Structure formats: structure tokens, C-alpha cells
Amino acid sequence: FSPVDKMPLVEIIKGKATSDAALAK
């Protein structure tokens, strides 16, 4: 979220092929 240096959140989005290992990372 903008501005990145100030906004505290990141939304992680899983695609259909995204592995659990990638999500954990």
C-alpha cells in the first residue's frame, strides 16, 4: 500500500498454483 514506507499492511494473495511453501516464505 502507498506510501510503502509508512503503510503497515501487506496483502498476500495465493494463486491457484501457489504452494504452501511459497505462502510460508
mmCIF file of all heavy atoms, coordinates in Angstrom:
data_MODEL
# 
_entry.id   MODEL 
# 
loop_
_atom_site.group_PDB 
_atom_site.id 
_atom_site.type_symbol 
_atom_site.label_atom_id 
_atom_site.label_alt_id 
_atom_site.label_comp_id 
_atom_site.label_asym_id 
_atom_site.label_entity_id 
_atom_site.label_seq_id 
_atom_site.pdbx_PDB_ins_code 
_atom_site.Cartn_x 
_atom_site.Cartn_y 
_atom_site.Cartn_z 
_atom_site.occupancy 
_atom_site.B_iso_or_equiv 
_atom_site.pdbx_formal_charge 
_atom_site.auth_seq_id 
_atom_site.auth_comp_id 
_atom_site.auth_asym_id 
_atom_site.auth_atom_id 
_atom_site.pdbx_PDB_model_num 
ATOM 1   N N   . PHE A 1 1  ? 0.843  -1.186  0.000   1.00 0.00 ? 1  PHE A N   1 
ATOM 2   C CA  . PHE A 1 1  ? 0.000  0.000   0.000   1.00 0.00 ? 1  PHE A CA  1 
ATOM 3   C C   . PHE A 1 1  ? 0.884  1.243   0.000   1.00 0.00 ? 1  PHE A C   1 
ATOM 4   O O   . PHE A 1 1  ? 1.991  1.231   0.545   1.00 0.00 ? 1  PHE A O   1 
ATOM 5   C CB  . PHE A 1 1  ? -0.935 -0.007  1.220   1.00 0.00 ? 1  PHE A CB  1 
ATOM 6   C CG  . PHE A 1 1  ? -1.917 -1.145  1.194   1.00 0.00 ? 1  PHE A CG  1 
ATOM 7   C CD1 . PHE A 1 1  ? -1.529 -2.422  1.577   1.00 0.00 ? 1  PHE A CD1 1 
ATOM 8   C CD2 . PHE A 1 1  ? -3.218 -0.956  0.751   1.00 0.00 ? 1  PHE A CD2 1 
ATOM 9   C CE1 . PHE A 1 1  ? -2.417 -3.482  1.525   1.00 0.00 ? 1  PHE A CE1 1 
ATOM 10  C CE2 . PHE A 1 1  ? -4.112 -2.018  0.694   1.00 0.00 ? 1  PHE A CE2 1 
ATOM 11  C CZ  . PHE A 1 1  ? -3.711 -3.279  1.082   1.00 0.00 ? 1  PHE A CZ  1 
ATOM 12  N N   . SER A 1 2  ? 0.403  2.293   -0.609  1.00 0.00 ? 2  SER A N   1 
ATOM 13  C CA  . SER A 1 2  ? 1.202  3.505   -0.791  1.00 0.00 ? 2  SER A CA  1 
ATOM 14  C C   . SER A 1 2  ? 0.894  4.556   0.280   1.00 0.00 ? 2  SER A C   1 
ATOM 15  O O   . SER A 1 2  ? -0.280 4.761   0.618   1.00 0.00 ? 2  SER A O   1 
ATOM 16  C CB  . SER A 1 2  ? 0.920  4.091   -2.186  1.00 0.00 ? 2  SER A CB  1 
ATOM 17  O OG  . SER A 1 2  ? 1.747  5.208   -2.428  1.00 0.00 ? 2  SER A OG  1 
ATOM 18  N N   . PRO A 1 3  ? 1.939  5.238   0.809   1.00 0.00 ? 3  PRO A N   1 
ATOM 19  C CA  . PRO A 1 3  ? 3.368  5.023   0.590   1.00 0.00 ? 3  PRO A CA  1 
ATOM 20  C C   . PRO A 1 3  ? 3.883  3.810   1.367   1.00 0.00 ? 3  PRO A C   1 
ATOM 21  O O   . PRO A 1 3  ? 3.553  3.632   2.540   1.00 0.00 ? 3  PRO A O   1 
ATOM 22  C CB  . PRO A 1 3  ? 4.003  6.319   1.101   1.00 0.00 ? 3  PRO A CB  1 
ATOM 23  C CG  . PRO A 1 3  ? 3.047  6.827   2.134   1.00 0.00 ? 3  PRO A CG  1 
ATOM 24  C CD  . PRO A 1 3  ? 1.678  6.396   1.696   1.00 0.00 ? 3  PRO A CD  1 
ATOM 25  N N   . VAL A 1 4  ? 4.686  3.007   0.701   1.00 0.00 ? 4  VAL A N   1 
ATOM 26  C CA  . VAL A 1 4  ? 5.126  1.725   1.258   1.00 0.00 ? 4  VAL A CA  1 
ATOM 27  C C   . VAL A 1 4  ? 5.862  1.904   2.574   1.00 0.00 ? 4  VAL A C   1 
ATOM 28  O O   . VAL A 1 4  ? 5.693  1.109   3.509   1.00 0.00 ? 4  VAL A O   1 
ATOM 29  C CB  . VAL A 1 4  ? 6.021  0.979   0.243   1.00 0.00 ? 4  VAL A CB  1 
ATOM 30  C CG1 . VAL A 1 4  ? 6.570  -0.304  0.850   1.00 0.00 ? 4  VAL A CG1 1 
ATOM 31  C CG2 . VAL A 1 4  ? 5.236  0.679   -1.026  1.00 0.00 ? 4  VAL A CG2 1 
ATOM 32  N N   . ASP A 1 5  ? 6.683  2.953   2.689   1.00 0.00 ? 5  ASP A N   1 
ATOM 33  C CA  . ASP A 1 5  ? 7.487  3.122   3.908   1.00 0.00 ? 5  ASP A CA  1 
ATOM 34  C C   . ASP A 1 5  ? 6.627  3.425   5.134   1.00 0.00 ? 5  ASP A C   1 
ATOM 35  O O   . ASP A 1 5  ? 7.053  3.200   6.264   1.00 0.00 ? 5  ASP A O   1 
ATOM 36  C CB  . ASP A 1 5  ? 8.527  4.222   3.721   1.00 0.00 ? 5  ASP A CB  1 
ATOM 37  C CG  . ASP A 1 5  ? 7.919  5.524   3.222   1.00 0.00 ? 5  ASP A CG  1 
ATOM 38  O OD1 . ASP A 1 5  ? 7.578  5.578   2.032   1.00 0.00 ? 5  ASP A OD1 1 
ATOM 39  O OD2 . ASP A 1 5  ? 7.769  6.466   4.023   1.00 0.00 ? 5  ASP A OD2 1 
ATOM 40  N N   . LYS A 1 6  ? 5.400  3.905   4.922   1.00 0.00 ? 6  LYS A N   1 
ATOM 41  C CA  . LYS A 1 6  ? 4.526  4.264   6.045   1.00 0.00 ? 6  LYS A CA  1 
ATOM 42  C C   . LYS A 1 6  ? 3.411  3.259   6.290   1.00 0.00 ? 6  LYS A C   1 
ATOM 43  O O   . LYS A 1 6  ? 3.005  3.037   7.428   1.00 0.00 ? 6  LYS A O   1 
ATOM 44  C CB  . LYS A 1 6  ? 3.908  5.647   5.810   1.00 0.00 ? 6  LYS A CB  1 
ATOM 45  C CG  . LYS A 1 6  ? 4.898  6.789   5.895   1.00 0.00 ? 6  LYS A CG  1 
ATOM 46  C CD  . LYS A 1 6  ? 4.200  8.122   5.672   1.00 0.00 ? 6  LYS A CD  1 
ATOM 47  C CE  . LYS A 1 6  ? 5.202  9.281   5.734   1.00 0.00 ? 6  LYS A CE  1 
ATOM 48  N NZ  . LYS A 1 6  ? 4.544  10.575  5.456   1.00 0.00 ? 6  LYS A NZ  1 
ATOM 49  N N   . MET A 1 7  ? 2.869  2.682   5.240   1.00 0.00 ? 7  MET A N   1 
ATOM 50  C CA  . MET A 1 7  ? 1.703  1.795   5.391   1.00 0.00 ? 7  MET A CA  1 
ATOM 51  C C   . MET A 1 7  ? 2.130  0.457   5.989   1.00 0.00 ? 7  MET A C   1 
ATOM 52  O O   . MET A 1 7  ? 3.064  -0.180  5.494   1.00 0.00 ? 7  MET A O   1 
ATOM 53  C CB  . MET A 1 7  ? 1.002  1.598   4.056   1.00 0.00 ? 7  MET A CB  1 
ATOM 54  C CG  . MET A 1 7  ? 0.377  2.877   3.517   1.00 0.00 ? 7  MET A CG  1 
ATOM 55  S SD  . MET A 1 7  ? -0.984 3.485   4.548   1.00 0.00 ? 7  MET A SD  1 
ATOM 56  C CE  . MET A 1 7  ? -2.313 2.430   3.972   1.00 0.00 ? 7  MET A CE  1 
ATOM 57  N N   . PRO A 1 8  ? 1.442  0.011   7.047   1.00 0.00 ? 8  PRO A N   1 
ATOM 58  C CA  . PRO A 1 8  ? 1.914  -1.160  7.797   1.00 0.00 ? 8  PRO A CA  1 
ATOM 59  C C   . PRO A 1 8  ? 1.481  -2.507  7.250   1.00 0.00 ? 8  PRO A C   1 
ATOM 60  O O   . PRO A 1 8  ? 1.945  -3.538  7.718   1.00 0.00 ? 8  PRO A O   1 
ATOM 61  C CB  . PRO A 1 8  ? 1.283  -0.936  9.182   1.00 0.00 ? 8  PRO A CB  1 
ATOM 62  C CG  . PRO A 1 8  ? -0.003 -0.216  8.885   1.00 0.00 ? 8  PRO A CG  1 
ATOM 63  C CD  . PRO A 1 8  ? 0.297  0.670   7.702   1.00 0.00 ? 8  PRO A CD  1 
ATOM 64  N N   . LEU A 1 9  ? 0.589  -2.521  6.234   1.00 0.00 ? 9  LEU A N   1 
ATOM 65  C CA  . LEU A 1 9  ? -0.020 -3.776  5.798   1.00 0.00 ? 9  LEU A CA  1 
ATOM 66  C C   . LEU A 1 9  ? 0.546  -4.259  4.470   1.00 0.00 ? 9  LEU A C   1 
ATOM 67  O O   . LEU A 1 9  ? 0.908  -3.464  3.613   1.00 0.00 ? 9  LEU A O   1 
ATOM 68  C CB  . LEU A 1 9  ? -1.541 -3.590  5.644   1.00 0.00 ? 9  LEU A CB  1 
ATOM 69  C CG  . LEU A 1 9  ? -2.342 -4.866  5.382   1.00 0.00 ? 9  LEU A CG  1 
ATOM 70  C CD1 . LEU A 1 9  ? -2.592 -5.605  6.679   1.00 0.00 ? 9  LEU A CD1 1 
ATOM 71  C CD2 . LEU A 1 9  ? -3.673 -4.543  4.707   1.00 0.00 ? 9  LEU A CD2 1 
ATOM 72  N N   . VAL A 1 10 ? 0.596  -5.597  4.321   1.00 0.00 ? 10 VAL A N   1 
ATOM 73  C CA  . VAL A 1 10 ? 0.834  -6.219  3.020   1.00 0.00 ? 10 VAL A CA  1 
ATOM 74  C C   . VAL A 1 10 ? -0.192 -7.333  2.860   1.00 0.00 ? 10 VAL A C   1 
ATOM 75  O O   . VAL A 1 10 ? -0.341 -8.187  3.733   1.00 0.00 ? 10 VAL A O   1 
ATOM 76  C CB  . VAL A 1 10 ? 2.254  -6.791  2.883   1.00 0.00 ? 10 VAL A CB  1 
ATOM 77  C CG1 . VAL A 1 10 ? 2.408  -7.512  1.543   1.00 0.00 ? 10 VAL A CG1 1 
ATOM 78  C CG2 . VAL A 1 10 ? 3.299  -5.684  3.001   1.00 0.00 ? 10 VAL A CG2 1 
ATOM 79  N N   . GLU A 1 11 ? -0.907 -7.308  1.737   1.00 0.00 ? 11 GLU A N   1 
ATOM 80  C CA  . GLU A 1 11 ? -1.906 -8.322  1.432   1.00 0.00 ? 11 GLU A CA  1 
ATOM 81  C C   . GLU A 1 11 ? -1.247 -9.409  0.581   1.00 0.00 ? 11 GLU A C   1 
ATOM 82  O O   . GLU A 1 11 ? -0.775 -9.136  -0.525  1.00 0.00 ? 11 GLU A O   1 
ATOM 83  C CB  . GLU A 1 11 ? -3.072 -7.671  0.673   1.00 0.00 ? 11 GLU A CB  1 
ATOM 84  C CG  . GLU A 1 11 ? -4.235 -8.583  0.392   1.00 0.00 ? 11 GLU A CG  1 
ATOM 85  C CD  . GLU A 1 11 ? -5.391 -7.840  -0.290  1.00 0.00 ? 11 GLU A CD  1 
ATOM 86  O OE1 . GLU A 1 11 ? -5.139 -6.832  -0.981  1.00 0.00 ? 11 GLU A OE1 1 
ATOM 87  O OE2 . GLU A 1 11 ? -6.545 -8.277  -0.126  1.00 0.00 ? 11 GLU A OE2 1 
ATOM 88  N N   . ILE A 1 12 ? -1.181 -10.621 1.128   1.00 0.00 ? 12 ILE A N   1 
ATOM 89  C CA  . ILE A 1 12 ? -0.583 -11.750 0.407   1.00 0.00 ? 12 ILE A CA  1 
ATOM 90  C C   . ILE A 1 12 ? -1.694 -12.488 -0.335  1.00 0.00 ? 12 ILE A C   1 
ATOM 91  O O   . ILE A 1 12 ? -2.696 -12.875 0.273   1.00 0.00 ? 12 ILE A O   1 
ATOM 92  C CB  . ILE A 1 12 ? 0.122  -12.715 1.377   1.00 0.00 ? 12 ILE A CB  1 
ATOM 93  C CG1 . ILE A 1 12 ? 1.212  -11.983 2.176   1.00 0.00 ? 12 ILE A CG1 1 
ATOM 94  C CG2 . ILE A 1 12 ? 0.720  -13.895 0.633   1.00 0.00 ? 12 ILE A CG2 1 
ATOM 95  C CD1 . ILE A 1 12 ? 1.856  -12.848 3.257   1.00 0.00 ? 12 ILE A CD1 1 
ATOM 96  N N   . ILE A 1 13 ? -1.504 -12.689 -1.651  1.00 0.00 ? 13 ILE A N   1 
ATOM 97  C CA  . ILE A 1 13 ? -2.555 -13.315 -2.456  1.00 0.00 ? 13 ILE A CA  1 
ATOM 98  C C   . ILE A 1 13 ? -2.074 -14.652 -3.006  1.00 0.00 ? 13 ILE A C   1 
ATOM 99  O O   . ILE A 1 13 ? -1.067 -14.723 -3.724  1.00 0.00 ? 13 ILE A O   1 
ATOM 100 C CB  . ILE A 1 13 ? -2.986 -12.402 -3.632  1.00 0.00 ? 13 ILE A CB  1 
ATOM 101 C CG1 . ILE A 1 13 ? -3.384 -11.006 -3.122  1.00 0.00 ? 13 ILE A CG1 1 
ATOM 102 C CG2 . ILE A 1 13 ? -4.141 -13.034 -4.388  1.00 0.00 ? 13 ILE A CG2 1 
ATOM 103 C CD1 . ILE A 1 13 ? -2.316 -9.960  -3.343  1.00 0.00 ? 13 ILE A CD1 1 
ATOM 104 N N   . LYS A 1 14 ? -2.796 -15.712 -2.662  1.00 0.00 ? 14 LYS A N   1 
ATOM 105 C CA  . LYS A 1 14 ? -2.476 -17.052 -3.157  1.00 0.00 ? 14 LYS A CA  1 
ATOM 106 C C   . LYS A 1 14 ? -3.147 -17.271 -4.512  1.00 0.00 ? 14 LYS A C   1 
ATOM 107 O O   . LYS A 1 14 ? -4.363 -17.112 -4.634  1.00 0.00 ? 14 LYS A O   1 
ATOM 108 C CB  . LYS A 1 14 ? -3.002 -18.123 -2.185  1.00 0.00 ? 14 LYS A CB  1 
ATOM 109 C CG  . LYS A 1 14 ? -2.357 -18.139 -0.824  1.00 0.00 ? 14 LYS A CG  1 
ATOM 110 C CD  . LYS A 1 14 ? -2.877 -19.310 0.004   1.00 0.00 ? 14 LYS A CD  1 
ATOM 111 C CE  . LYS A 1 14 ? -4.339 -19.130 0.358   1.00 0.00 ? 14 LYS A CE  1 
ATOM 112 N NZ  . LYS A 1 14 ? -4.857 -20.268 1.178   1.00 0.00 ? 14 LYS A NZ  1 
ATOM 113 N N   . GLY A 1 15 ? -2.363 -17.650 -5.497  1.00 0.00 ? 15 GLY A N   1 
ATOM 114 C CA  . GLY A 1 15 ? -2.939 -18.082 -6.762  1.00 0.00 ? 15 GLY A CA  1 
ATOM 115 C C   . GLY A 1 15 ? -3.310 -19.552 -6.676  1.00 0.00 ? 15 GLY A C   1 
ATOM 116 O O   . GLY A 1 15 ? -2.977 -20.232 -5.698  1.00 0.00 ? 15 GLY A O   1 
ATOM 117 N N   . LYS A 1 16 ? -3.979 -20.065 -7.706  1.00 0.00 ? 16 LYS A N   1 
ATOM 118 C CA  . LYS A 1 16 ? -4.398 -21.471 -7.681  1.00 0.00 ? 16 LYS A CA  1 
ATOM 119 C C   . LYS A 1 16 ? -3.208 -22.414 -7.625  1.00 0.00 ? 16 LYS A C   1 
ATOM 120 O O   . LYS A 1 16 ? -3.281 -23.502 -7.048  1.00 0.00 ? 16 LYS A O   1 
ATOM 121 C CB  . LYS A 1 16 ? -5.261 -21.781 -8.904  1.00 0.00 ? 16 LYS A CB  1 
ATOM 122 C CG  . LYS A 1 16 ? -6.681 -21.243 -8.780  1.00 0.00 ? 16 LYS A CG  1 
ATOM 123 C CD  . LYS A 1 16 ? -7.549 -21.651 -9.953  1.00 0.00 ? 16 LYS A CD  1 
ATOM 124 C CE  . LYS A 1 16 ? -8.968 -21.083 -9.790  1.00 0.00 ? 16 LYS A CE  1 
ATOM 125 N NZ  . LYS A 1 16 ? -9.803 -21.349 -10.980 1.00 0.00 ? 16 LYS A NZ  1 
ATOM 126 N N   . ALA A 1 17 ? -2.084 -22.004 -8.224  1.00 0.00 ? 17 ALA A N   1 
ATOM 127 C CA  . ALA A 1 17 ? -0.904 -22.877 -8.260  1.00 0.00 ? 17 ALA A CA  1 
ATOM 128 C C   . ALA A 1 17 ? 0.075  -22.588 -7.123  1.00 0.00 ? 17 ALA A C   1 
ATOM 129 O O   . ALA A 1 17 ? 1.045  -23.327 -6.945  1.00 0.00 ? 17 ALA A O   1 
ATOM 130 C CB  . ALA A 1 17 ? -0.192 -22.719 -9.609  1.00 0.00 ? 17 ALA A CB  1 
ATOM 131 N N   . THR A 1 18 ? -0.141 -21.533 -6.366  1.00 0.00 ? 18 THR A N   1 
ATOM 132 C CA  . THR A 1 18 ? 0.802  -21.150 -5.305  1.00 0.00 ? 18 THR A CA  1 
ATOM 133 C C   . THR A 1 18 ? 0.901  -22.258 -4.254  1.00 0.00 ? 18 THR A C   1 
ATOM 134 O O   . THR A 1 18 ? -0.108 -22.732 -3.731  1.00 0.00 ? 18 THR A O   1 
ATOM 135 C CB  . THR A 1 18 ? 0.352  -19.848 -4.604  1.00 0.00 ? 18 THR A CB  1 
ATOM 136 O OG1 . THR A 1 18 ? 0.222  -18.810 -5.575  1.00 0.00 ? 18 THR A OG1 1 
ATOM 137 C CG2 . THR A 1 18 ? 1.359  -19.432 -3.549  1.00 0.00 ? 18 THR A CG2 1 
ATOM 138 N N   . SER A 1 19 ? 2.117  -22.664 -3.940  1.00 0.00 ? 19 SER A N   1 
ATOM 139 C CA  . SER A 1 19 ? 2.326  -23.724 -2.948  1.00 0.00 ? 19 SER A CA  1 
ATOM 140 C C   . SER A 1 19 ? 2.279  -23.157 -1.530  1.00 0.00 ? 19 SER A C   1 
ATOM 141 O O   . SER A 1 19 ? 2.501  -21.960 -1.315  1.00 0.00 ? 19 SER A O   1 
ATOM 142 C CB  . SER A 1 19 ? 3.678  -24.398 -3.170  1.00 0.00 ? 19 SER A CB  1 
ATOM 143 O OG  . SER A 1 19 ? 4.735  -23.490 -2.868  1.00 0.00 ? 19 SER A OG  1 
ATOM 144 N N   . ASP A 1 20 ? 2.018  -24.042 -0.575  1.00 0.00 ? 20 ASP A N   1 
ATOM 145 C CA  . ASP A 1 20 ? 2.052  -23.626 0.831   1.00 0.00 ? 20 ASP A CA  1 
ATOM 146 C C   . ASP A 1 20 ? 3.455  -23.184 1.228   1.00 0.00 ? 20 ASP A C   1 
ATOM 147 O O   . ASP A 1 20 ? 3.626  -22.302 2.069   1.00 0.00 ? 20 ASP A O   1 
ATOM 148 C CB  . ASP A 1 20 ? 1.587  -24.777 1.731   1.00 0.00 ? 20 ASP A CB  1 
ATOM 149 C CG  . ASP A 1 20 ? 0.073  -24.905 1.772   1.00 0.00 ? 20 ASP A CG  1 
ATOM 150 O OD1 . ASP A 1 20 ? -0.616 -24.006 1.241   1.00 0.00 ? 20 ASP A OD1 1 
ATOM 151 O OD2 . ASP A 1 20 ? -0.424 -25.896 2.333   1.00 0.00 ? 20 ASP A OD2 1 
ATOM 152 N N   . ALA A 1 21 ? 4.459  -23.798 0.628   1.00 0.00 ? 21 ALA A N   1 
ATOM 153 C CA  . ALA A 1 21 ? 5.844  -23.408 0.933   1.00 0.00 ? 21 ALA A CA  1 
ATOM 154 C C   . ALA A 1 21 ? 6.091  -21.960 0.524   1.00 0.00 ? 21 ALA A C   1 
ATOM 155 O O   . ALA A 1 21 ? 6.736  -21.194 1.261   1.00 0.00 ? 21 ALA A O   1 
ATOM 156 C CB  . ALA A 1 21 ? 6.814  -24.338 0.208   1.00 0.00 ? 21 ALA A CB  1 
ATOM 157 N N   . ALA A 1 22 ? 5.569  -21.570 -0.641  1.00 0.00 ? 22 ALA A N   1 
ATOM 158 C CA  . ALA A 1 22 ? 5.726  -20.185 -1.108  1.00 0.00 ? 22 ALA A CA  1 
ATOM 159 C C   . ALA A 1 22 ? 4.960  -19.230 -0.201  1.00 0.00 ? 22 ALA A C   1 
ATOM 160 O O   . ALA A 1 22 ? 5.447  -18.139 0.120   1.00 0.00 ? 22 ALA A O   1 
ATOM 161 C CB  . ALA A 1 22 ? 5.238  -20.055 -2.547  1.00 0.00 ? 22 ALA A CB  1 
ATOM 162 N N   . LEU A 1 23 ? 3.762  -19.643 0.226   1.00 0.00 ? 23 LEU A N   1 
ATOM 163 C CA  . LEU A 1 23 ? 2.975  -18.800 1.127   1.00 0.00 ? 23 LEU A CA  1 
ATOM 164 C C   . LEU A 1 23 ? 3.704  -18.598 2.446   1.00 0.00 ? 23 LEU A C   1 
ATOM 165 O O   . LEU A 1 23 ? 3.753  -17.482 2.975   1.00 0.00 ? 23 LEU A O   1 
ATOM 166 C CB  . LEU A 1 23 ? 1.602  -19.429 1.370   1.00 0.00 ? 23 LEU A CB  1 
ATOM 167 C CG  . LEU A 1 23 ? 0.710  -18.741 2.411   1.00 0.00 ? 23 LEU A CG  1 
ATOM 168 C CD1 . LEU A 1 23 ? 0.482  -17.275 2.065   1.00 0.00 ? 23 LEU A CD1 1 
ATOM 169 C CD2 . LEU A 1 23 ? -0.631 -19.470 2.540   1.00 0.00 ? 23 LEU A CD2 1 
ATOM 170 N N   . ALA A 1 24 ? 4.277  -19.659 2.999   1.00 0.00 ? 24 ALA A N   1 
ATOM 171 C CA  . ALA A 1 24 ? 5.026  -19.540 4.253   1.00 0.00 ? 24 ALA A CA  1 
ATOM 172 C C   . ALA A 1 24 ? 6.209  -18.590 4.088   1.00 0.00 ? 24 ALA A C   1 
ATOM 173 O O   . ALA A 1 24 ? 6.474  -17.754 4.962   1.00 0.00 ? 24 ALA A O   1 
ATOM 174 C CB  . ALA A 1 24 ? 5.506  -20.921 4.704   1.00 0.00 ? 24 ALA A CB  1 
ATOM 175 N N   . LYS A 1 25 ? 6.906  -18.706 2.970   1.00 0.00 ? 25 LYS A N   1 
ATOM 176 C CA  . LYS A 1 25 ? 8.036  -17.805 2.700   1.00 0.00 ? 25 LYS A CA  1 
ATOM 177 C C   . LYS A 1 25 ? 7.562  -16.352 2.616   1.00 0.00 ? 25 LYS A C   1 
ATOM 178 O O   . LYS A 1 25 ? 8.184  -15.444 3.179   1.00 0.00 ? 25 LYS A O   1 
ATOM 179 C CB  . LYS A 1 25 ? 8.715  -18.186 1.373   1.00 0.00 ? 25 LYS A CB  1 
ATOM 180 C CG  . LYS A 1 25 ? 9.731  -19.296 1.459   1.00 0.00 ? 25 LYS A CG  1 
ATOM 181 C CD  . LYS A 1 25 ? 10.419 -19.440 0.096   1.00 0.00 ? 25 LYS A CD  1 
ATOM 182 C CE  . LYS A 1 25 ? 11.552 -20.442 0.136   1.00 0.00 ? 25 LYS A CE  1 
ATOM 183 N NZ  . LYS A 1 25 ? 12.264 -20.529 -1.170  1.00 0.00 ? 25 LYS A NZ  1 
# 
